[in-house]
N, C-alpha and C. Protein backbone atom coordinates (compact mmCIF):
# COMPACT_ATOMS: atom_id res chain seq x y z
N MET A 1 -28.75 6.93 -19.83
CA MET A 1 -27.51 6.84 -19.11
C MET A 1 -26.73 5.59 -19.51
N GLY A 2 -27.44 4.52 -19.83
CA GLY A 2 -26.79 3.27 -20.15
C GLY A 2 -25.79 3.36 -21.28
N ARG A 3 -26.05 4.21 -22.25
CA ARG A 3 -25.12 4.31 -23.39
C ARG A 3 -23.79 4.94 -22.99
N TYR A 4 -23.73 5.58 -21.83
CA TYR A 4 -22.48 6.20 -21.36
C TYR A 4 -21.66 5.27 -20.46
N LEU A 5 -22.21 4.12 -20.09
CA LEU A 5 -21.50 3.21 -19.19
C LEU A 5 -20.26 2.56 -19.80
N PRO A 6 -20.29 2.07 -21.04
CA PRO A 6 -19.09 1.44 -21.59
C PRO A 6 -17.87 2.36 -21.49
N GLY A 7 -16.79 1.82 -20.95
CA GLY A 7 -15.56 2.59 -20.76
C GLY A 7 -15.50 3.34 -19.44
N SER A 8 -16.58 3.32 -18.68
CA SER A 8 -16.60 4.04 -17.40
C SER A 8 -15.82 3.27 -16.33
N PRO A 9 -15.16 3.99 -15.41
CA PRO A 9 -14.43 3.32 -14.34
C PRO A 9 -15.39 2.72 -13.32
N ILE A 10 -14.94 1.65 -12.67
CA ILE A 10 -15.67 1.05 -11.56
C ILE A 10 -14.85 1.35 -10.31
N VAL A 11 -15.44 2.14 -9.41
CA VAL A 11 -14.74 2.54 -8.19
C VAL A 11 -15.63 2.30 -6.99
N GLY A 12 -15.02 2.18 -5.83
CA GLY A 12 -15.81 1.98 -4.62
C GLY A 12 -14.93 1.92 -3.39
N PHE A 13 -15.56 1.64 -2.29
CA PHE A 13 -14.87 1.49 -1.02
C PHE A 13 -15.27 0.15 -0.44
N TYR A 14 -14.29 -0.71 -0.13
CA TYR A 14 -14.57 -2.01 0.47
C TYR A 14 -14.41 -1.90 1.98
N ASN A 15 -15.50 -2.13 2.69
CA ASN A 15 -15.50 -2.08 4.15
C ASN A 15 -15.11 -3.46 4.66
N THR A 16 -13.90 -3.57 5.22
CA THR A 16 -13.40 -4.87 5.68
C THR A 16 -14.18 -5.40 6.89
N GLU A 17 -14.75 -4.52 7.70
CA GLU A 17 -15.54 -4.97 8.84
C GLU A 17 -16.86 -5.57 8.39
N ALA A 18 -17.54 -4.92 7.45
CA ALA A 18 -18.82 -5.41 6.95
C ALA A 18 -18.63 -6.45 5.85
N LYS A 19 -17.41 -6.55 5.32
CA LYS A 19 -17.08 -7.45 4.20
C LYS A 19 -18.00 -7.20 3.02
N ASP A 20 -18.14 -5.92 2.67
CA ASP A 20 -19.02 -5.52 1.57
C ASP A 20 -18.57 -4.18 1.01
N PHE A 21 -18.96 -3.91 -0.21
CA PHE A 21 -18.67 -2.61 -0.82
C PHE A 21 -19.68 -1.58 -0.36
N GLU A 22 -19.22 -0.34 -0.23
CA GLU A 22 -20.08 0.78 0.12
C GLU A 22 -19.97 1.84 -0.96
N GLU A 23 -20.64 2.94 -0.73
CA GLU A 23 -20.56 4.06 -1.66
C GLU A 23 -19.15 4.65 -1.65
N HIS A 24 -18.93 5.65 -2.44
CA HIS A 24 -17.65 6.36 -2.41
C HIS A 24 -17.46 6.86 -0.98
N ASN A 25 -16.23 6.90 -0.52
CA ASN A 25 -16.01 7.16 0.89
C ASN A 25 -14.81 8.09 1.11
N ARG A 26 -14.84 8.83 2.20
CA ARG A 26 -13.74 9.70 2.60
C ARG A 26 -13.53 9.58 4.10
N GLU A 27 -12.30 9.83 4.52
CA GLU A 27 -11.97 9.87 5.94
C GLU A 27 -11.53 11.28 6.30
N ILE A 28 -11.82 11.68 7.51
CA ILE A 28 -11.33 12.96 8.02
C ILE A 28 -10.19 12.65 8.97
N SER A 29 -9.05 13.26 8.72
CA SER A 29 -7.86 13.02 9.52
C SER A 29 -7.48 14.29 10.27
N LEU A 30 -7.03 14.11 11.50
CA LEU A 30 -6.54 15.23 12.31
C LEU A 30 -5.10 14.90 12.70
N LYS A 31 -4.16 15.70 12.17
CA LYS A 31 -2.75 15.47 12.45
C LYS A 31 -2.07 16.81 12.71
N ASP A 32 -1.38 16.93 13.81
CA ASP A 32 -0.70 18.16 14.19
C ASP A 32 -1.64 19.36 14.20
N GLY A 33 -2.89 19.12 14.64
CA GLY A 33 -3.87 20.19 14.73
C GLY A 33 -4.47 20.62 13.41
N LYS A 34 -4.21 19.86 12.34
CA LYS A 34 -4.76 20.21 11.02
C LYS A 34 -5.65 19.08 10.52
N PHE A 35 -6.81 19.48 9.99
CA PHE A 35 -7.74 18.54 9.40
C PHE A 35 -7.39 18.31 7.94
N SER A 36 -7.56 17.09 7.48
CA SER A 36 -7.45 16.81 6.05
C SER A 36 -8.47 15.74 5.69
N ILE A 37 -8.92 15.78 4.44
CA ILE A 37 -9.89 14.81 3.95
C ILE A 37 -9.16 13.87 3.01
N ILE A 38 -9.27 12.57 3.28
CA ILE A 38 -8.58 11.56 2.50
C ILE A 38 -9.63 10.73 1.75
N ASP A 39 -9.52 10.69 0.44
CA ASP A 39 -10.44 9.89 -0.38
C ASP A 39 -10.02 8.43 -0.29
N THR A 40 -10.89 7.58 0.26
CA THR A 40 -10.56 6.16 0.40
C THR A 40 -11.21 5.31 -0.69
N THR A 41 -11.85 5.95 -1.66
CA THR A 41 -12.42 5.25 -2.80
C THR A 41 -11.29 4.74 -3.67
N ARG A 42 -11.38 3.51 -4.14
CA ARG A 42 -10.33 2.90 -4.94
C ARG A 42 -10.87 2.41 -6.28
N PRO A 43 -10.04 2.47 -7.34
CA PRO A 43 -10.48 1.92 -8.63
C PRO A 43 -10.36 0.39 -8.62
N TYR A 44 -11.32 -0.27 -9.26
CA TYR A 44 -11.31 -1.74 -9.35
C TYR A 44 -11.32 -2.22 -10.79
N GLY A 45 -11.61 -1.35 -11.72
CA GLY A 45 -11.65 -1.76 -13.13
C GLY A 45 -12.47 -0.77 -13.93
N PHE A 46 -13.01 -1.25 -15.04
CA PHE A 46 -13.84 -0.40 -15.89
C PHE A 46 -14.86 -1.27 -16.61
N VAL A 47 -15.92 -0.63 -17.09
CA VAL A 47 -16.95 -1.32 -17.87
C VAL A 47 -16.38 -1.52 -19.27
N SER A 48 -16.44 -2.73 -19.75
CA SER A 48 -15.90 -3.04 -21.08
C SER A 48 -16.55 -2.17 -22.15
N ALA A 49 -15.76 -1.79 -23.14
CA ALA A 49 -16.27 -0.94 -24.23
C ALA A 49 -17.37 -1.64 -25.03
N ASP A 50 -17.39 -2.96 -25.03
CA ASP A 50 -18.43 -3.68 -25.79
C ASP A 50 -19.51 -4.27 -24.88
N ALA A 51 -19.66 -3.74 -23.67
CA ALA A 51 -20.66 -4.22 -22.72
C ALA A 51 -22.07 -3.98 -23.26
N LYS A 52 -22.93 -4.96 -23.07
CA LYS A 52 -24.34 -4.84 -23.47
C LYS A 52 -25.14 -4.39 -22.25
N VAL A 53 -25.51 -3.13 -22.22
CA VAL A 53 -26.26 -2.58 -21.08
C VAL A 53 -27.74 -2.88 -21.31
N TRP A 54 -28.40 -3.50 -20.33
CA TRP A 54 -29.76 -3.97 -20.53
C TRP A 54 -30.80 -3.27 -19.67
N PHE A 55 -30.43 -2.36 -18.81
CA PHE A 55 -31.44 -1.71 -17.97
C PHE A 55 -31.77 -0.33 -18.46
């Protein structure tokens, strides 16, 4: 898997209450009697193309 990391996006969800990153996250919204799912995961960058993956 490590050889596929260079160039990959870095995404996540920052929980302001816990002051820490969590897994990918979604919210369920109810508006006017209709449910919708909102993706709250945000992009933060990417793994450099010349990154040396060591694990």
